[in-house]
Amino acid sequence: MQPWLWVLLIVVLVVVVLLAVAASRRRRTTELRERFGPEYDRTVETTDDRRGAEQALLDRSRRRDRLDIRPLPEAARARYAEQWRGIQERFIDDPAGSVGAAHALLDQVMGERGYPTSDFEEQADLVSVDHPRVVENYRAAYAVYNRQQDGQATTEDLRDALVRYRSLFEELLHRDGAADGTANGTTGNVQDRTSDTVPDADRVERVERVDQVDQVDKERPEVVDVRDDTARHRADADPSMPQRERS
């Protein structure tokens, strides 16, 4: 065979290999985008390296596959749902305590499902494999939870955190068949769902103001208008005063 044919054959083989590698990478990128959705974009942005981010997501998936993730028994689901209703009802009187209780309840549910709960970042990474559409809500709620520990979260911040916690809670409560980021109609966008069960900050403040006014009214001494009594005493003391003036 002519030497130039050998060269041409080698070039063709190199091109074929490069094309195969490029196609494989595009396919991997497409699969990861479809699987992780917004979590893929977040990971790429935080690592500033697409190949490194994709490798991190693959490693995350492998760690998740080694876990024994179990659906909740029906009795546990009902119990946790009832506890969550109590947490939401508590919000109007104790927003900070409500968010703290929501965080603790999520830890409990995740632990029973089979997720590790000792390290938040690892916990969020593993949850993102099964619930990529709402894991960012979980991270945002956790950030508010931490600010609240330092007294730096507003009532509206706490309300938003509770709704974000709920988006993940609803998915964890449902069976594995619903663990695709859309369980029970849940999506990553919580803005349209903030008024259905959690009181807003204005309502909480109005209730607090009403309570303060009621307390002031209870403590305010009774004021008696003595003018009418004084006039009647004068009338009784002066018999010559006309009857019309006495009345």
Protein backbone atom coordinates (compact mmCIF):
# COMPACT_ATOMS: atom_id res chain seq x y z
CA MET A 1 0.00 0.00 0.00
CA GLN A 2 1.20 3.45 -0.87
CA PRO A 3 2.50 5.46 2.11
CA TRP A 4 0.11 8.28 1.44
CA LEU A 5 -2.80 5.79 1.70
CA TRP A 6 -1.59 4.84 5.17
CA VAL A 7 -1.51 8.48 6.12
CA LEU A 8 -4.99 9.03 4.73
CA LEU A 9 -6.32 5.99 6.59
CA ILE A 10 -4.85 7.21 9.87
CA VAL A 11 -6.36 10.68 9.35
CA VAL A 12 -9.78 9.17 8.63
CA LEU A 13 -9.59 7.00 11.73
CA VAL A 14 -8.62 9.98 13.88
CA VAL A 15 -11.51 12.02 12.48
CA VAL A 16 -13.95 9.15 13.12
CA VAL A 17 -12.76 8.81 16.72
CA LEU A 18 -13.02 12.55 17.32
CA LEU A 19 -16.52 12.63 15.86
CA ALA A 20 -17.53 9.68 18.04
CA VAL A 21 -16.14 11.36 21.15
CA ALA A 22 -17.91 14.63 20.30
CA ALA A 23 -21.19 12.80 19.68
CA SER A 24 -20.82 10.94 22.97
CA ARG A 25 -20.24 14.19 24.84
CA ARG A 26 -23.24 15.85 23.20
CA ARG A 27 -25.39 12.87 24.08
CA ARG A 28 -24.16 12.93 27.67
CA THR A 29 -24.85 16.67 27.91
CA THR A 30 -28.36 16.19 26.53
CA GLU A 31 -29.11 13.36 28.95
CA LEU A 32 -27.83 15.30 31.94
CA ARG A 33 -29.77 18.42 30.95
CA GLU A 34 -32.96 16.40 30.65
CA ARG A 35 -32.38 14.61 33.93
CA PHE A 36 -31.27 17.52 36.10
CA GLY A 37 -32.99 20.48 34.43
CA PRO A 38 -32.19 23.73 36.30
CA GLU A 39 -29.80 21.85 38.57
CA TYR A 40 -27.59 21.21 35.54
CA ASP A 41 -27.35 24.95 34.81
CA ARG A 42 -26.68 25.77 38.46
CA THR A 43 -23.87 23.22 38.67
CA VAL A 44 -22.25 24.51 35.48
CA GLU A 45 -22.44 28.10 36.76
CA THR A 46 -20.98 27.29 40.16
CA THR A 47 -18.09 25.20 38.80
CA ASP A 48 -17.42 27.41 35.75
CA ASP A 49 -16.41 24.25 33.89
CA ARG A 50 -18.94 22.32 31.84
CA ARG A 51 -16.96 19.08 31.70
CA GLY A 52 -16.19 19.26 35.41
CA ALA A 53 -19.84 20.02 36.20
CA GLU A 54 -21.06 17.09 34.14
CA GLN A 55 -18.60 14.77 35.84
CA ALA A 56 -19.79 16.02 39.23
CA LEU A 57 -23.41 15.28 38.26
CA LEU A 58 -22.44 11.80 37.10
CA ASP A 59 -20.62 11.16 40.37
CA ARG A 60 -23.67 12.42 42.23
CA SER A 61 -25.88 9.99 40.35
CA ARG A 62 -23.56 7.08 41.20
CA ARG A 63 -23.62 7.98 44.89
CA ARG A 64 -27.41 8.16 44.77
CA ASP A 65 -27.61 4.73 43.09
CA ARG A 66 -25.77 3.22 46.05
CA LEU A 67 -28.50 4.38 48.43
CA ASP A 68 -31.60 2.40 49.28
CA ILE A 69 -34.28 5.03 48.70
CA ARG A 70 -37.64 3.75 49.88
CA PRO A 71 -41.18 5.11 49.49
CA LEU A 72 -42.94 6.07 52.69
CA PRO A 73 -45.54 3.70 54.12
CA GLU A 74 -49.09 4.99 53.86
CA ALA A 75 -49.36 5.49 57.62
CA ALA A 76 -46.15 7.55 57.68
CA ARG A 77 -47.35 9.69 54.79
CA ALA A 78 -50.59 10.48 56.60
CA ARG A 79 -48.73 11.25 59.83
CA TYR A 80 -46.24 13.57 58.15
CA ALA A 81 -49.00 15.34 56.20
CA GLU A 82 -50.84 16.03 59.45
CA GLN A 83 -47.65 17.36 61.06
CA TRP A 84 -47.13 19.69 58.10
CA ARG A 85 -50.64 21.10 58.44
CA GLY A 86 -49.86 21.88 62.05
CA ILE A 87 -46.65 23.64 61.03
CA GLN A 88 -48.52 25.84 58.55
CA GLU A 89 -51.18 26.72 61.11
CA ARG A 90 -48.42 27.65 63.56
CA PHE A 91 -46.89 30.15 61.12
CA ILE A 92 -49.24 33.03 61.89
CA ASP A 93 -48.30 33.01 65.58
CA ASP A 94 -44.68 31.86 65.30
CA PRO A 95 -43.14 32.26 61.80
CA ALA A 96 -39.59 31.49 62.91
CA GLY A 97 -40.61 28.43 64.90
CA SER A 98 -42.72 27.22 61.98
CA VAL A 99 -39.76 27.36 59.58
CA GLY A 100 -37.52 25.60 62.09
CA ALA A 101 -40.11 22.86 62.52
CA ALA A 102 -40.44 22.52 58.73
CA HIS A 103 -36.68 22.07 58.39
CA ALA A 104 -36.64 19.41 61.11
CA LEU A 105 -39.61 17.59 59.58
CA LEU A 106 -37.95 17.48 56.16
CA ASP A 107 -34.84 15.98 57.73
CA GLN A 108 -36.99 13.35 59.37
CA VAL A 109 -38.82 12.50 56.14
CA MET A 110 -35.57 12.33 54.15
CA GLY A 111 -34.00 10.08 56.74
CA GLU A 112 -36.93 7.70 56.62
CA ARG A 113 -36.80 7.68 52.82
CA GLY A 114 -33.11 6.67 52.98
CA TYR A 115 -31.21 9.91 52.32
CA PRO A 116 -28.28 10.84 54.57
CA THR A 117 -29.01 13.89 56.71
CA SER A 118 -25.73 14.62 58.48
CA ASP A 119 -24.34 17.08 55.88
CA PHE A 120 -26.63 19.56 54.14
CA GLU A 121 -24.63 19.94 50.91
CA GLU A 122 -24.37 16.19 50.41
CA GLN A 123 -28.02 15.86 51.33
CA ALA A 124 -29.07 18.46 48.75
CA ASP A 125 -26.83 16.93 46.06
CA LEU A 126 -28.33 13.47 46.50
CA VAL A 127 -31.89 14.79 46.67
CA SER A 128 -31.26 16.69 43.43
CA VAL A 129 -30.89 13.41 41.54
CA ASP A 130 -34.50 12.46 42.28
CA HIS A 131 -36.00 15.94 42.69
CA PRO A 132 -33.99 18.31 40.47
CA ARG A 133 -36.88 20.73 39.88
CA VAL A 134 -37.29 21.70 43.52
CA VAL A 135 -33.89 21.17 45.14
CA GLU A 136 -33.00 24.83 44.57
CA ASN A 137 -36.08 25.74 46.62
CA TYR A 138 -34.65 23.57 49.37
CA ARG A 139 -31.32 25.38 49.24
CA ALA A 140 -33.01 28.81 49.28
CA ALA A 141 -35.21 27.84 52.24
CA TYR A 142 -32.18 26.53 54.12
CA ALA A 143 -30.39 29.86 53.57
CA VAL A 144 -33.34 31.70 55.16
CA TYR A 145 -33.39 29.16 57.99
CA ASN A 146 -29.73 29.98 58.72
CA ARG A 147 -30.36 33.75 58.55
CA GLN A 148 -33.24 33.33 60.95
CA GLN A 149 -30.88 31.74 63.46
CA ASP A 150 -29.06 35.10 63.53
CA GLY A 151 -32.29 37.10 63.60
CA GLN A 152 -31.79 38.44 60.07
CA ALA A 153 -34.85 37.00 58.31
CA THR A 154 -38.04 39.02 57.82
CA THR A 155 -41.53 37.57 58.14
CA GLU A 156 -41.84 37.57 54.35
CA ASP A 157 -38.51 35.72 54.08
CA LEU A 158 -39.80 33.09 56.49
CA ARG A 159 -43.07 32.74 54.61
CA ASP A 160 -41.20 32.23 51.33
CA ALA A 161 -38.93 29.67 53.00
CA LEU A 162 -41.90 27.69 54.31
CA VAL A 163 -43.46 27.54 50.85
CA ARG A 164 -40.14 26.44 49.34
CA TYR A 165 -39.72 23.75 51.97
CA ARG A 166 -43.21 22.57 51.14
CA SER A 167 -42.39 22.11 47.44
CA LEU A 168 -39.82 19.43 48.35
CA PHE A 169 -41.92 18.03 51.18
CA GLU A 170 -44.80 17.32 48.81
CA GLU A 171 -42.54 15.40 46.45
CA LEU A 172 -40.90 13.38 49.21
CA LEU A 173 -44.30 12.45 50.55
CA HIS A 174 -45.46 10.92 47.28
CA ARG A 175 -44.42 7.62 45.83
CA ASP A 176 -41.38 7.21 43.60
CA GLY A 177 -43.55 7.36 40.50
CA ALA A 178 -44.17 11.05 41.25
CA ALA A 179 -40.55 11.93 41.94
CA ASP A 180 -39.99 13.84 38.72
CA GLY A 181 -40.32 17.40 39.89
CA THR A 182 -44.06 17.55 39.24
CA ALA A 183 -45.53 15.58 42.11
CA ASN A 184 -49.01 16.76 42.97
CA GLY A 185 -48.64 19.63 40.53
CA THR A 186 -45.52 20.89 42.25
CA THR A 187 -42.97 22.76 40.19
CA GLY A 188 -39.85 24.70 40.95
CA ASN A 189 -41.77 27.98 40.69
CA VAL A 190 -43.30 28.73 44.05
CA GLN A 191 -44.41 32.29 43.39
CA ASP A 192 -47.90 31.29 42.22
CA ARG A 193 -48.42 29.07 45.24
CA THR A 194 -47.55 31.34 48.14
CA SER A 195 -51.06 32.40 49.12
CA ASP A 196 -53.00 29.14 49.29
CA THR A 197 -52.04 27.95 52.77
CA VAL A 198 -49.31 30.11 54.29
CA PRO A 199 -50.43 33.51 55.65
CA ASP A 200 -48.62 36.43 54.05
CA ALA A 201 -46.53 38.89 55.99
CA ASP A 202 -49.16 41.66 55.80
CA ARG A 203 -51.73 39.38 57.37
CA VAL A 204 -49.35 38.41 60.15
CA GLU A 205 -48.60 42.09 60.84
CA ARG A 206 -52.31 42.99 60.81
CA VAL A 207 -53.04 40.27 63.34
CA GLU A 208 -50.17 41.48 65.51
CA ARG A 209 -51.49 45.07 65.36
CA VAL A 210 -55.01 43.94 66.28
CA ASP A 211 -53.65 42.00 69.23
CA GLN A 212 -51.71 45.07 70.37
CA VAL A 213 -54.78 47.31 70.09
CA ASP A 214 -56.89 44.81 72.02
CA GLN A 215 -54.25 44.70 74.73
CA VAL A 216 -54.16 48.51 74.95
CA ASP A 217 -57.96 48.65 75.19
CA LYS A 218 -57.89 46.13 78.03
CA GLU A 219 -55.25 48.09 79.94
CA ARG A 220 -56.73 51.59 79.31
CA PRO A 221 -58.58 52.93 82.43
CA GLU A 222 -62.28 53.58 82.00
CA VAL A 223 -63.09 57.26 81.45
CA VAL A 224 -66.33 58.46 83.01
CA ASP A 225 -68.02 61.58 81.68
CA VAL A 226 -69.06 63.43 84.83
CA ARG A 227 -70.65 66.43 83.10
CA ASP A 228 -74.18 65.02 83.02
CA ASP A 229 -74.01 63.97 86.65
CA THR A 230 -72.83 67.46 87.69
CA ALA A 231 -75.72 69.11 85.86
CA ARG A 232 -78.23 66.80 87.52
CA HIS A 233 -76.80 67.55 90.98
CA ARG A 234 -77.20 71.31 90.38
CA ALA A 235 -80.77 70.83 89.27
CA ASP A 236 -81.66 68.81 92.38
CA ALA A 237 -80.06 71.43 94.63
CA ASP A 238 -82.00 74.37 93.02
CA PRO A 239 -85.79 73.77 93.09
CA SER A 240 -86.38 77.01 91.18
CA MET A 241 -84.65 75.70 88.05
CA PRO A 242 -87.18 75.10 85.28
CA GLN A 243 -88.10 71.52 84.59
CA ARG A 244 -86.69 71.74 81.02
CA GLU A 245 -83.24 72.68 82.32
CA ARG A 246 -83.36 69.84 84.87
CA SER A 247 -83.82 67.37 82.07
